[in-house]
């Protein structure tokens, strides 16, 4: 009986692991889609990685974390890693985090006159 309980508990924990992984990553509901930000600034850094790209910009005297789209989507829509190198001035259009954290989810990148829709 004890072994059965142990197996059942282990199976339940294993079944719940994907939910913990999803919850550990920020959801889009963390952003205020009613407040559109347009930020024009040089990139302080870029991470071209999964599950999505990220960047940093200094805007309004604060450093902001920038959440981009997955690499495959950005590249399919014409945004390459070379286009978003450190120091490159870009215009980012997106939404700020609802909790006031200096982070934005980017919907659109404008660089060298080219607009790339990320979502």
Protein backbone atom coordinates (compact mmCIF):
# COMPACT_ATOMS: atom_id res chain seq x y z
CA UNK A 1 0.00 0.00 0.00
CA UNK A 2 2.78 2.42 0.91
CA UNK A 3 4.61 1.72 -2.38
CA UNK A 4 1.39 2.42 -4.32
CA UNK A 5 0.93 5.73 -2.53
CA UNK A 6 4.54 6.67 -3.23
CA UNK A 7 4.14 5.84 -6.95
CA UNK A 8 0.88 7.78 -7.16
CA UNK A 9 2.44 10.81 -5.47
CA UNK A 10 5.47 10.65 -7.77
CA UNK A 11 3.22 10.43 -10.83
CA UNK A 12 1.21 13.44 -9.65
CA UNK A 13 4.35 15.52 -9.09
CA UNK A 14 5.72 14.56 -12.53
CA UNK A 15 2.42 15.46 -14.16
CA UNK A 16 2.52 18.92 -12.55
CA UNK A 17 6.12 19.80 -13.56
CA UNK A 18 5.15 21.35 -16.94
CA UNK A 19 2.77 23.72 -15.12
CA UNK A 20 5.60 24.92 -12.88
CA UNK A 21 7.85 25.53 -15.89
CA UNK A 22 5.17 27.59 -17.61
CA UNK A 23 4.43 29.61 -14.48
CA UNK A 24 8.11 30.30 -13.88
CA UNK A 25 8.22 32.12 -17.21
CA UNK A 26 6.40 35.44 -17.38
CA UNK A 27 3.05 35.41 -19.13
CA UNK A 28 1.80 38.10 -21.46
CA UNK A 29 -0.87 39.01 -18.91
CA UNK A 30 1.93 40.66 -16.89
CA UNK A 31 1.94 43.54 -19.39
CA UNK A 32 -0.45 46.49 -19.67
CA UNK A 33 -1.72 46.37 -23.26
CA UNK A 34 -3.66 49.62 -22.70
CA UNK A 35 -0.44 51.60 -22.30
CA UNK A 36 1.60 51.64 -25.52
CA UNK A 37 5.23 52.74 -25.15
CA UNK A 38 7.35 54.00 -28.03
CA UNK A 39 11.00 53.98 -27.07
CA UNK A 40 13.80 55.25 -29.32
CA UNK A 41 17.17 54.42 -27.84
CA UNK A 42 20.47 52.68 -28.53
CA UNK A 43 20.62 49.04 -27.50
CA UNK A 44 22.83 48.51 -24.45
CA UNK A 45 22.87 44.76 -24.99
CA UNK A 46 21.09 42.00 -26.90
CA UNK A 47 20.57 38.31 -26.12
CA UNK A 48 19.64 36.39 -29.26
CA UNK A 49 18.41 33.25 -27.51
CA UNK A 50 15.43 31.09 -26.66
CA UNK A 51 12.68 31.05 -25.55
CA UNK A 52 12.78 34.61 -26.97
CA UNK A 53 15.29 37.34 -27.57
CA UNK A 54 15.92 40.03 -24.99
CA UNK A 55 17.66 43.38 -24.96
CA UNK A 56 18.40 46.32 -22.69
CA UNK A 57 17.93 50.02 -23.36
CA UNK A 58 18.33 53.14 -21.28
CA UNK A 59 15.16 55.22 -21.49
CA UNK A 60 13.86 58.01 -19.27
CA UNK A 61 16.95 57.72 -17.03
CA UNK A 62 16.30 54.04 -16.30
CA UNK A 63 17.55 50.77 -17.74
CA UNK A 64 14.71 48.77 -19.28
CA UNK A 65 14.60 45.05 -20.04
CA UNK A 66 13.14 44.43 -23.48
CA UNK A 67 11.32 41.18 -24.26
CA UNK A 68 11.42 40.32 -27.95
CA UNK A 69 9.84 37.44 -29.90
CA UNK A 70 11.24 33.94 -30.45
CA UNK A 71 14.25 33.97 -32.78
CA UNK A 72 12.53 31.89 -35.46
CA UNK A 73 9.65 34.39 -35.66
CA UNK A 74 11.95 37.44 -35.76
CA UNK A 75 14.07 35.95 -38.51
CA UNK A 76 11.02 34.83 -40.50
CA UNK A 77 9.75 38.42 -40.39
CA UNK A 78 13.07 39.91 -41.45
CA UNK A 79 14.78 40.88 -38.18
CA UNK A 80 18.26 39.41 -37.90
CA UNK A 81 20.76 39.37 -35.07
CA UNK A 82 23.09 41.62 -37.07
CA UNK A 83 20.39 44.31 -37.28
CA UNK A 84 20.05 44.58 -33.49
CA UNK A 85 23.64 44.78 -32.33
CA UNK A 86 24.78 46.65 -29.21
CA UNK A 87 24.85 50.40 -29.80
CA UNK A 88 22.33 50.28 -32.68
CA UNK A 89 19.57 52.88 -32.22
CA UNK A 90 16.13 51.32 -32.59
CA UNK A 91 12.53 52.32 -32.04
CA UNK A 92 10.61 49.79 -29.94
CA UNK A 93 6.82 49.81 -29.67
CA UNK A 94 5.30 47.67 -26.96
CA UNK A 95 3.74 47.39 -23.53
CA UNK A 96 5.18 47.95 -20.04
CA UNK A 97 4.85 45.47 -17.19
CA UNK A 98 1.78 46.14 -15.09
CA UNK A 99 3.69 46.00 -11.80
CA UNK A 100 5.96 48.96 -12.64
CA UNK A 101 9.06 46.87 -13.33
CA UNK A 102 11.18 48.55 -16.02
CA UNK A 103 10.43 45.91 -18.64
CA UNK A 104 8.52 46.01 -21.89
CA UNK A 105 7.11 43.40 -24.25
CA UNK A 106 7.90 44.58 -27.77
CA UNK A 107 5.33 44.29 -30.54
CA UNK A 108 7.22 46.19 -33.23
CA UNK A 109 10.85 47.07 -33.97
CA UNK A 110 11.72 49.94 -36.31
CA UNK A 111 15.31 49.97 -37.46
CA UNK A 112 16.89 51.85 -40.36
CA UNK A 113 13.42 52.77 -41.63
CA UNK A 114 12.24 49.13 -41.67
CA UNK A 115 9.32 48.07 -39.46
CA UNK A 116 9.21 44.46 -38.22
CA UNK A 117 6.04 43.20 -36.51
CA UNK A 118 6.97 40.68 -33.83
CA UNK A 119 3.56 39.37 -32.74
